[in-house]
PDB file of N, CA and C in Angstrom:
ATOM      1  N   UNK A   1     -15.008-171.739  -2.082  1.00  0.00           N
ATOM      2  CA  UNK A   1     -14.398-173.266  -1.535  1.00  0.00           C
ATOM      3  C   UNK A   1     -12.657-173.358  -2.772  1.00  0.00           C
ATOM      4  N   UNK A   2     -13.567-173.534  -4.154  1.00  0.00           N
ATOM      5  CA  UNK A   2     -12.640-174.261  -4.396  1.00  0.00           C
ATOM      6  C   UNK A   2     -12.815-175.970  -5.120  1.00  0.00           C
ATOM      7  N   UNK A   3     -12.947-176.457  -6.282  1.00  0.00           N
ATOM      8  CA  UNK A   3     -13.254-177.020  -6.046  1.00  0.00           C
ATOM      9  C   UNK A   3     -14.822-177.881  -6.333  1.00  0.00           C
ATOM     10  N   UNK A   4     -16.068-177.465  -5.459  1.00  0.00           N
ATOM     11  CA  UNK A   4     -16.646-177.400  -6.143  1.00  0.00           C
ATOM     12  C   UNK A   4     -17.596-178.279  -3.687  1.00  0.00           C
ATOM     13  N   UNK A   5     -16.259-178.889  -3.176  1.00  0.00           N
ATOM     14  CA  UNK A   5     -16.051-179.992  -2.303  1.00  0.00           C
ATOM     15  C   UNK A   5     -15.541-179.271  -1.256  1.00  0.00           C
ATOM     16  N   UNK A   6     -15.544-179.503  -0.513  1.00  0.00           N
ATOM     17  CA  UNK A   6     -15.029-179.237   1.013  1.00  0.00           C
ATOM     18  C   UNK A   6     -14.486-179.962   1.498  1.00  0.00           C
ATOM     19  N   UNK A   7     -13.118-179.890   1.351  1.00  0.00           N
ATOM     20  CA  UNK A   7     -12.397-180.036   2.729  1.00  0.00           C
ATOM     21  C   UNK A   7     -11.862-180.718   3.244  1.00  0.00           C
ATOM     22  N   UNK A   8     -11.981-179.896   4.974  1.00  0.00           N
ATOM     23  CA  UNK A   8     -12.048-179.687   5.656  1.00  0.00           C
ATOM     24  C   UNK A   8     -10.618-178.806   6.177  1.00  0.00           C
ATOM     25  N   UNK A   9     -10.794-178.353   6.976  1.00  0.00           N
ATOM     26  CA  UNK A   9      -9.908-177.761   7.752  1.00  0.00           C
ATOM     27  C   UNK A   9      -7.734-178.149   7.795  1.00  0.00           C
ATOM     28  N   UNK A  10      -7.138-177.723   7.621  1.00  0.00           N
ATOM     29  CA  UNK A  10      -5.881-178.643   7.207  1.00  0.00           C
ATOM     30  C   UNK A  10      -5.097-179.528   8.415  1.00  0.00           C
ATOM     31  N   UNK A  11      -5.089-180.350   7.660  1.00  0.00           N
ATOM     32  CA  UNK A  11      -4.843-181.500   9.212  1.00  0.00           C
ATOM     33  C   UNK A  11      -5.422-182.597   9.096  1.00  0.00           C
ATOM     34  N   UNK A  12      -7.195-181.485   8.685  1.00  0.00           N
ATOM     35  CA  UNK A  12      -8.159-182.542   8.600  1.00  0.00           C
ATOM     36  C   UNK A  12      -9.039-182.841   6.992  1.00  0.00           C
ATOM     37  N   UNK A  13      -8.364-182.852   5.968  1.00  0.00           N
ATOM     38  CA  UNK A  13      -9.349-182.369   4.883  1.00  0.00           C
ATOM     39  C   UNK A  13      -8.946-184.159   4.240  1.00  0.00           C
ATOM     40  N   UNK A  14     -10.325-184.795   5.201  1.00  0.00           N
ATOM     41  CA  UNK A  14     -11.624-185.366   4.250  1.00  0.00           C
ATOM     42  C   UNK A  14     -11.187-186.738   4.344  1.00  0.00           C
ATOM     43  N   UNK A  15      -9.084-187.190   4.708  1.00  0.00           N
ATOM     44  CA  UNK A  15      -9.066-188.271   3.526  1.00  0.00           C
ATOM     45  C   UNK A  15      -9.438-189.364   4.615  1.00  0.00           C
ATOM     46  N   UNK A  16      -9.840-190.657   4.991  1.00  0.00           N
ATOM     47  CA  UNK A  16     -10.381-191.824   6.025  1.00  0.00           C
ATOM     48  C   UNK A  16      -9.426-191.954   6.609  1.00  0.00           C
ATOM     49  N   UNK A  17      -9.467-192.821   7.598  1.00  0.00           N
ATOM     50  CA  UNK A  17      -8.571-192.294   8.705  1.00  0.00           C
ATOM     51  C   UNK A  17      -7.120-194.049   8.642  1.00  0.00           C
ATOM     52  N   UNK A  18      -6.508-193.843   8.671  1.00  0.00           N
ATOM     53  CA  UNK A  18      -5.027-194.236   8.637  1.00  0.00           C
ATOM     54  C   UNK A  18      -5.261-195.145   9.451  1.00  0.00           C
ATOM     55  N   UNK A  19      -5.284-196.561   9.057  1.00  0.00           N
ATOM     56  CA  UNK A  19      -5.224-197.127  10.303  1.00  0.00           C
ATOM     57  C   UNK A  19      -4.063-198.649   9.780  1.00  0.00           C
ATOM     58  N   UNK A  20      -3.264-199.710  10.573  1.00  0.00           N
ATOM     59  CA  UNK A  20      -2.460-200.329  10.694  1.00  0.00           C
ATOM     60  C   UNK A  20      -1.008-199.596  10.267  1.00  0.00           C
ATOM     61  N   UNK A  21      -1.359-197.830  11.006  1.00  0.00           N
ATOM     62  CA  UNK A  21       0.669-197.885  11.590  1.00  0.00           C
ATOM     63  C   UNK A  21       1.416-197.202  12.152  1.00  0.00           C
ATOM     64  N   UNK A  22       2.134-198.380  12.354  1.00  0.00           N
ATOM     65  CA  UNK A  22       2.913-198.097  13.199  1.00  0.00           C
ATOM     66  C   UNK A  22       4.079-197.167  13.303  1.00  0.00           C
ATOM     67  N   UNK A  23       3.522-196.306  14.884  1.00  0.00           N
ATOM     68  CA  UNK A  23       5.282-194.925  14.496  1.00  0.00           C
ATOM     69  C   UNK A  23       6.029-195.753  16.612  1.00  0.00           C
ATOM     70  N   UNK A  24       7.139-195.738  15.709  1.00  0.00           N
ATOM     71  CA  UNK A  24       7.680-196.319  17.189  1.00  0.00           C
ATOM     72  C   UNK A  24       8.999-194.516  17.072  1.00  0.00           C
ATOM     73  N   UNK A  25       9.177-194.112  18.283  1.00  0.00           N
ATOM     74  CA  UNK A  25      10.363-192.875  19.048  1.00  0.00           C
ATOM     75  C   UNK A  25      11.063-193.391  19.918  1.00  0.00           C
ATOM     76  N   UNK A  26      11.987-193.455  19.460  1.00  0.00           N
ATOM     77  CA  UNK A  26      12.361-192.992  20.765  1.00  0.00           C
ATOM     78  C   UNK A  26      13.012-191.326  21.913  1.00  0.00           C
ATOM     79  N   UNK A  27      13.417-192.257  23.644  1.00  0.00           N
ATOM     80  CA  UNK A  27      13.120-190.562  23.847  1.00  0.00           C
ATOM     81  C   UNK A  27      14.704-190.140  24.413  1.00  0.00           C
ATOM     82  N   UNK A  28      14.720-188.644  24.048  1.00  0.00           N
ATOM     83  CA  UNK A  28      15.298-187.808  23.849  1.00  0.00           C
ATOM     84  C   UNK A  28      17.132-188.048  24.206  1.00  0.00           C
ATOM     85  N   UNK A  29      15.875-189.351  25.680  1.00  0.00           N
ATOM     86  CA  UNK A  29      16.703-189.125  26.579  1.00  0.00           C
ATOM     87  C   UNK A  29      17.783-190.364  26.751  1.00  0.00           C
ATOM     88  N   UNK A  30      17.079-191.462  26.210  1.00  0.00           N
ATOM     89  CA  UNK A  30      17.737-192.746  25.240  1.00  0.00           C
ATOM     90  C   UNK A  30      18.854-192.348  24.361  1.00  0.00           C
ATOM     91  N   UNK A  31      18.392-192.137  23.313  1.00  0.00           N
ATOM     92  CA  UNK A  31      19.879-191.490  22.537  1.00  0.00           C
ATOM     93  C   UNK A  31      21.105-191.359  22.857  1.00  0.00           C
ATOM     94  N   UNK A  32      21.771-191.858  22.134  1.00  0.00           N
ATOM     95  CA  UNK A  32      23.330-191.697  22.483  1.00  0.00           C
ATOM     96  C   UNK A  32      23.871-190.893  21.156  1.00  0.00           C
ATOM     97  N   UNK A  33      23.882-189.275  20.419  1.00  0.00           N
ATOM     98  CA  UNK A  33      23.288-189.245  19.150  1.00  0.00           C
ATOM     99  C   UNK A  33      24.906-189.553  18.599  1.00  0.00           C
ATOM    100  N   UNK A  34      25.974-189.249  20.262  1.00  0.00           N
ATOM    101  CA  UNK A  34      27.674-188.750  19.290  1.00  0.00           C
ATOM    102  C   UNK A  34      28.189-190.630  20.329  1.00  0.00           C
ATOM    103  N   UNK A  35      27.554-191.094  19.288  1.00  0.00           N
ATOM    104  CA  UNK A  35      27.957-193.043  20.392  1.00  0.00           C
ATOM    105  C   UNK A  35      29.105-193.048  19.099  1.00  0.00           C
ATOM    106  N   UNK A  36      30.782-193.337  20.264  1.00  0.00           N
ATOM    107  CA  UNK A  36      31.448-193.941  18.801  1.00  0.00           C
ATOM    108  C   UNK A  36      31.833-192.856  18.209  1.00  0.00           C
ATOM    109  N   UNK A  37      31.350-191.307  18.239  1.00  0.00           N
ATOM    110  CA  UNK A  37      31.805-190.200  16.762  1.00  0.00           C
ATOM    111  C   UNK A  37      33.235-189.673  16.634  1.00  0.00           C
ATOM    112  N   UNK A  38      33.901-189.898  18.228  1.00  0.00           N
ATOM    113  CA  UNK A  38      35.268-189.903  18.721  1.00  0.00           C
ATOM    114  C   UNK A  38      36.114-190.886  17.773  1.00  0.00           C
ATOM    115  N   UNK A  39      35.814-192.138  18.172  1.00  0.00           N
ATOM    116  CA  UNK A  39      36.837-193.304  17.906  1.00  0.00           C
ATOM    117  C   UNK A  39      36.890-193.540  16.013  1.00  0.00           C
ATOM    118  N   UNK A  40      35.489-192.175  15.814  1.00  0.00           N
ATOM    119  CA  UNK A  40      35.227-193.221  14.134  1.00  0.00           C
ATOM    120  C   UNK A  40      35.114-191.415  13.226  1.00  0.00           C
ATOM    121  N   UNK A  41      36.462-190.938  13.722  1.00  0.00           N
ATOM    122  CA  UNK A  41      36.359-189.551  12.863  1.00  0.00           C
ATOM    123  C   UNK A  41      38.303-190.015  13.439  1.00  0.00           C
ATOM    124  N   UNK A  42      38.521-191.010  13.727  1.00  0.00           N
ATOM    125  CA  UNK A  42      40.174-190.706  14.105  1.00  0.00           C
ATOM    126  C   UNK A  42      40.138-191.941  13.177  1.00  0.00           C
ATOM    127  N   UNK A  43      39.551-192.275  13.152  1.00  0.00           N
ATOM    128  CA  UNK A  43      39.811-194.264  12.234  1.00  0.00           C
ATOM    129  C   UNK A  43      39.854-193.516  10.987  1.00  0.00           C
ATOM    130  N   UNK A  44      38.815-192.397  10.434  1.00  0.00           N
ATOM    131  CA  UNK A  44      37.587-192.311   8.982  1.00  0.00           C
ATOM    132  C   UNK A  44      39.248-190.829   8.852  1.00  0.00           C
ATOM    133  N   UNK A  45      39.697-190.188   9.791  1.00  0.00           N
ATOM    134  CA  UNK A  45      40.486-189.079   9.304  1.00  0.00           C
ATOM    135  C   UNK A  45      42.165-189.998   8.138  1.00  0.00           C
ATOM    136  N   UNK A  46      42.729-191.436   9.469  1.00  0.00           N
ATOM    137  CA  UNK A  46      43.750-191.430   9.270  1.00  0.00           C
ATOM    138  C   UNK A  46      43.396-192.697   7.981  1.00  0.00           C
ATOM    139  N   UNK A  47      42.821-192.904   7.799  1.00  0.00           N
ATOM    140  CA  UNK A  47      42.526-193.534   6.432  1.00  0.00           C
ATOM    141  C   UNK A  47      41.986-193.132   4.967  1.00  0.00           C
ATOM    142  N   UNK A  48      41.269-191.941   5.120  1.00  0.00           N
ATOM    143  CA  UNK A  48      41.532-190.916   4.117  1.00  0.00           C
ATOM    144  C   UNK A  48      43.013-190.346   3.528  1.00  0.00           C
ATOM    145  N   UNK A  49      44.090-189.852   4.775  1.00  0.00           N
ATOM    146  CA  UNK A  49      44.763-189.682   4.967  1.00  0.00           C
ATOM    147  C   UNK A  49      45.834-190.613   4.292  1.00  0.00           C
ATOM    148  N   UNK A  50      45.712-191.455   4.737  1.00  0.00           N
ATOM    149  CA  UNK A  50      46.404-192.641   4.115  1.00  0.00           C
ATOM    150  C   UNK A  50      46.753-193.130   2.320  1.00  0.00           C
ATOM    151  N   UNK A  51      44.811-192.891   2.465  1.00  0.00           N
ATOM    152  CA  UNK A  51      44.835-192.474   0.856  1.00  0.00           C
ATOM    153  C   UNK A  51      45.381-191.263   0.200  1.00  0.00           C
ATOM    154  N   UNK A  52      44.769-190.857   0.421  1.00  0.00           N
ATOM    155  CA  UNK A  52      46.510-189.779   0.611  1.00  0.00           C
ATOM    156  C   UNK A  52      47.977-189.416  -0.245  1.00  0.00           C
ATOM    157  N   UNK A  53      47.753-190.250   0.486  1.00  0.00           N
ATOM    158  CA  UNK A  53      49.442-190.221   0.569  1.00  0.00           C
ATOM    159  C   UNK A  53      50.205-189.721  -0.165  1.00  0.00           C
ATOM    160  N   UNK A  54      50.330-191.005  -0.720  1.00  0.00           N
ATOM    161  CA  UNK A  54      51.559-190.326  -2.111  1.00  0.00           C
ATOM    162  C   UNK A  54      50.706-189.504  -3.344  1.00  0.00           C
ATOM    163  N   UNK A  55      50.396-189.440  -2.812  1.00  0.00           N
ATOM    164  CA  UNK A  55      49.425-187.587  -4.265  1.00  0.00           C
ATOM    165  C   UNK A  55      50.139-186.921  -2.908  1.00  0.00           C
ATOM    166  N   UNK A  56      49.650-186.376  -1.907  1.00  0.00           N
ATOM    167  CA  UNK A  56      50.607-185.267  -1.540  1.00  0.00           C
ATOM    168  C   UNK A  56      52.234-185.233  -1.318  1.00  0.00           C
ATOM    169  N   UNK A  57      52.282-187.132  -0.514  1.00  0.00           N
ATOM    170  CA  UNK A  57      53.898-186.863   0.092  1.00  0.00           C
ATOM    171  C   UNK A  57      54.726-187.248  -0.556  1.00  0.00           C
ATOM    172  N   UNK A  58      54.664-187.449  -2.212  1.00  0.00           N
ATOM    173  CA  UNK A  58      55.945-187.641  -3.702  1.00  0.00           C
ATOM    174  C   UNK A  58      55.650-186.258  -3.825  1.00  0.00           C
ATOM    175  N   UNK A  59      55.128-185.506  -4.094  1.00  0.00           N
ATOM    176  CA  UNK A  59      56.168-183.907  -4.442  1.00  0.00           C
ATOM    177  C   UNK A  59      56.339-182.749  -3.212  1.00  0.00           C
ATOM    178  N   UNK A  60      55.806-183.145  -2.443  1.00  0.00           N
ATOM    179  CA  UNK A  60      56.289-182.423  -0.988  1.00  0.00           C
ATOM    180  C   UNK A  60      58.280-183.411  -0.619  1.00  0.00           C
ATOM    181  N   UNK A  61      57.778-184.447  -1.186  1.00  0.00           N
ATOM    182  CA  UNK A  61      59.122-185.075  -0.314  1.00  0.00           C
ATOM    183  C   UNK A  61      59.851-184.478  -2.075  1.00  0.00           C
ATOM    184  N   UNK A  62      59.470-184.026  -3.002  1.00  0.00           N
ATOM    185  CA  UNK A  62      60.526-184.587  -4.116  1.00  0.00           C
ATOM    186  C   UNK A  62      60.901-182.447  -4.060  1.00  0.00           C
ATOM    187  N   UNK A  63      59.848-181.690  -4.150  1.00  0.00           N
ATOM    188  CA  UNK A  63      60.179-180.382  -3.699  1.00  0.00           C
ATOM    189  C   UNK A  63      61.983-180.216  -2.105  1.00  0.00           C
ATOM    190  N   UNK A  64      61.130-180.825  -1.247  1.00  0.00           N
ATOM    191  CA  UNK A  64      61.750-180.756  -0.568  1.00  0.00           C
ATOM    192  C   UNK A  64      63.007-180.956  -1.125  1.00  0.00           C
ATOM    193  N   UNK A  65      63.562-182.188  -1.561  1.00  0.00           N
ATOM    194  CA  UNK A  65      65.158-182.205  -1.640  1.00  0.00           C
ATOM    195  C   UNK A  65      65.517-181.529  -3.199  1.00  0.00           C
ATOM    196  N   UNK A  66      64.760-180.624  -3.486  1.00  0.00           N
ATOM    197  CA  UNK A  66      65.222-179.738  -4.979  1.00  0.00           C
ATOM    198  C   UNK A  66      65.388-178.740  -3.407  1.00  0.00           C
ATOM    199  N   UNK A  67      64.753-178.554  -2.127  1.00  0.00           N
ATOM    200  CA  UNK A  67      65.188-176.879  -2.452  1.00  0.00           C
ATOM    201  C   UNK A  67      66.009-177.333  -1.655  1.00  0.00           C
ATOM    202  N   UNK A  68      65.821-178.734  -0.257  1.00  0.00           N
ATOM    203  CA  UNK A  68      67.739-179.159  -0.016  1.00  0.00           C
ATOM    204  C   UNK A  68      69.007-179.002  -0.733  1.00  0.00           C
ATOM    205  N   UNK A  69      68.900-179.346  -1.351  1.00  0.00           N
ATOM    206  CA  UNK A  69      70.162-179.690  -3.209  1.00  0.00           C
ATOM    207  C   UNK A  69      70.658-178.064  -2.943  1.00  0.00           C
ATOM    208  N   UNK A  70      69.337-177.574  -3.242  1.00  0.00           N
ATOM    209  CA  UNK A  70      70.061-176.713  -4.358  1.00  0.00           C
ATOM    210  C   UNK A  70      70.100-175.203  -2.964  1.00  0.00           C
ATOM    211  N   UNK A  71      69.964-175.573  -1.490  1.00  0.00           N
ATOM    212  CA  UNK A  71      70.261-174.678  -0.937  1.00  0.00           C
ATOM    213  C   UNK A  71      71.940-174.556  -0.223  1.00  0.00           C
ATOM    214  N   UNK A  72      71.793-175.874  -0.539  1.00  0.00           N
ATOM    215  CA  UNK A  72      73.766-176.581  -0.403  1.00  0.00           C
ATOM    216  C   UNK A  72      74.029-176.174  -0.983  1.00  0.00           C
ATOM    217  N   UNK A  73      74.325-176.760  -2.514  1.00  0.00           N
ATOM    218  CA  UNK A  73      74.283-175.897  -3.620  1.00  0.00           C
ATOM    219  C   UNK A  73      74.847-173.997  -3.758  1.00  0.00           C
ATOM    220  N   UNK A  74      73.883-173.216  -3.491  1.00  0.00           N
ATOM    221  CA  UNK A  74      73.966-172.798  -3.095  1.00  0.00           C
ATOM    222  C   UNK A  74      74.953-172.128  -2.437  1.00  0.00           C
ATOM    223  N   UNK A  75      74.825-172.178  -0.517  1.00  0.00           N
ATOM    224  CA  UNK A  75      76.201-172.237  -0.166  1.00  0.00           C
ATOM    225  C   UNK A  75      78.208-172.760  -0.389  1.00  0.00           C
ATOM    226  N   UNK A  76      78.068-174.244  -1.124  1.00  0.00           N
ATOM    227  CA  UNK A  76      78.840-174.351  -1.508  1.00  0.00           C
ATOM    228  C   UNK A  76      80.061-173.767  -2.765  1.00  0.00           C
ATOM    229  N   UNK A  77      78.797-172.951  -3.433  1.00  0.00           N
ATOM    230  CA  UNK A  77      79.256-171.806  -4.329  1.00  0.00           C
ATOM    231  C   UNK A  77      79.512-170.441  -4.285  1.00  0.00           C
ATOM    232  N   UNK A  78      79.380-170.162  -2.514  1.00  0.00           N
ATOM    233  CA  UNK A  78      79.846-169.055  -1.851  1.00  0.00           C
ATOM    234  C   UNK A  78      80.952-169.549  -1.045  1.00  0.00           C
ATOM    235  N   UNK A  79      81.614-170.893  -1.667  1.00  0.00           N
ATOM    236  CA  UNK A  79      82.412-171.349  -1.136  1.00  0.00           C
ATOM    237  C   UNK A  79      84.118-170.345  -2.067  1.00  0.00           C
ATOM    238  N   UNK A  80      85.079-170.778  -1.486  1.00  0.00           N
ATOM    239  CA  UNK A  80      86.601-171.411  -1.879  1.00  0.00           C
ATOM    240  C   UNK A  80      85.832-171.718  -3.334  1.00  0.00           C
ATOM    241  N   UNK A  81      85.591-173.046  -2.693  1.00  0.00           N
ATOM    242  CA  UNK A  81      86.234-174.352  -3.497  1.00  0.00           C
ATOM    243  C   UNK A  81      85.180-173.792  -5.025  1.00  0.00           C
ATOM    244  N   UNK A  82      83.657-172.925  -4.612  1.00  0.00           N
ATOM    245  CA  UNK A  82      82.920-172.643  -5.362  1.00  0.00           C
ATOM    246  C   UNK A  82      83.099-171.825  -6.834  1.00  0.00           C
ATOM    247  N   UNK A  83      83.923-170.877  -6.227  1.00  0.00           N
ATOM    248  CA  UNK A  83      84.142-169.983  -7.149  1.00  0.00           C
ATOM    249  C   UNK A  83      86.107-170.533  -7.441  1.00  0.00           C
ATOM    250  N   UNK A  84      86.798-171.245  -7.728  1.00  0.00           N
ATOM    251  CA  UNK A  84      87.781-172.295  -8.252  1.00  0.00           C
ATOM    252  C   UNK A  84      86.914-172.724  -8.911  1.00  0.00           C
ATOM    253  N   UNK A  85      86.095-173.911  -8.563  1.00  0.00           N
ATOM    254  CA  UNK A  85      85.419-173.256  -9.897  1.00  0.00           C
ATOM    255  C   UNK A  85      84.244-173.259 -11.098  1.00  0.00           C
ATOM    256  N   UNK A  86      83.553-172.384 -10.641  1.00  0.00           N
ATOM    257  CA  UNK A  86      83.368-171.574 -11.421  1.00  0.00           C
ATOM    258  C   UNK A  86      84.623-170.177 -12.697  1.00  0.00           C
ATOM    259  N   UNK A  87      85.723-170.268 -11.936  1.00  0.00           N
ATOM    260  CA  UNK A  87      86.235-169.159 -12.503  1.00  0.00           C
ATOM    261  C   UNK A  87      87.451-169.605 -13.726  1.00  0.00           C
ATOM    262  N   UNK A  88      87.118-170.515 -13.871  1.00  0.00           N
ATOM    263  CA  UNK A  88      86.938-170.484 -16.036  1.00  0.00           C
ATOM    264  C   UNK A  88      85.894-170.542 -16.268  1.00  0.00           C
ATOM    265  N   UNK A  89      84.288-170.546 -15.779  1.00  0.00           N
ATOM    266  CA  UNK A  89      83.745-170.826 -17.388  1.00  0.00           C
ATOM    267  C   UNK A  89      83.032-169.683 -17.170  1.00  0.00           C
ATOM    268  N   UNK A  90      83.595-168.327 -17.156  1.00  0.00           N
ATOM    269  CA  UNK A  90      82.659-166.522 -16.827  1.00  0.00           C
ATOM    270  C   UNK A  90      82.478-165.952 -17.905  1.00  0.00           C
ATOM    271  N   UNK A  91      81.797-166.343 -19.151  1.00  0.00           N
ATOM    272  CA  UNK A  91      81.709-165.354 -20.306  1.00  0.00           C
ATOM    273  C   UNK A  91      81.719-163.981 -20.210  1.00  0.00           C
ATOM    274  N   UNK A  92      82.345-163.710 -21.306  1.00  0.00           N
ATOM    275  CA  UNK A  92      82.524-162.146 -21.223  1.00  0.00           C
ATOM    276  C   UNK A  92      82.525-162.448 -23.146  1.00  0.00           C
ATOM    277  N   UNK A  93      80.881-161.070 -22.647  1.00  0.00           N
ATOM    278  CA  UNK A  93      80.980-160.698 -24.851  1.00  0.00           C
ATOM    279  C   UNK A  93      81.547-158.960 -24.274  1.00  0.00           C
TER     280      UNK A  93
END
């Protein structure tokens, strides 16, 4: 039996009875597990997004500005004015 003294079976290991311990619990019918979950999710998401807006918004805005400028510049270079502007700056080696 190990150790020279038998302690008892599982759950009854020979310890003195516990006294002065109060255990409280709620019935599963009384609990509201998701009380306010949707409300908290909306405001928590808003708080987290506003905290990250400068880290995401500034690079995205800068990339969009460069993209639209490049697109407009490309279309302008395909026009008569664009061809005339770059007509004299061709390199011939």
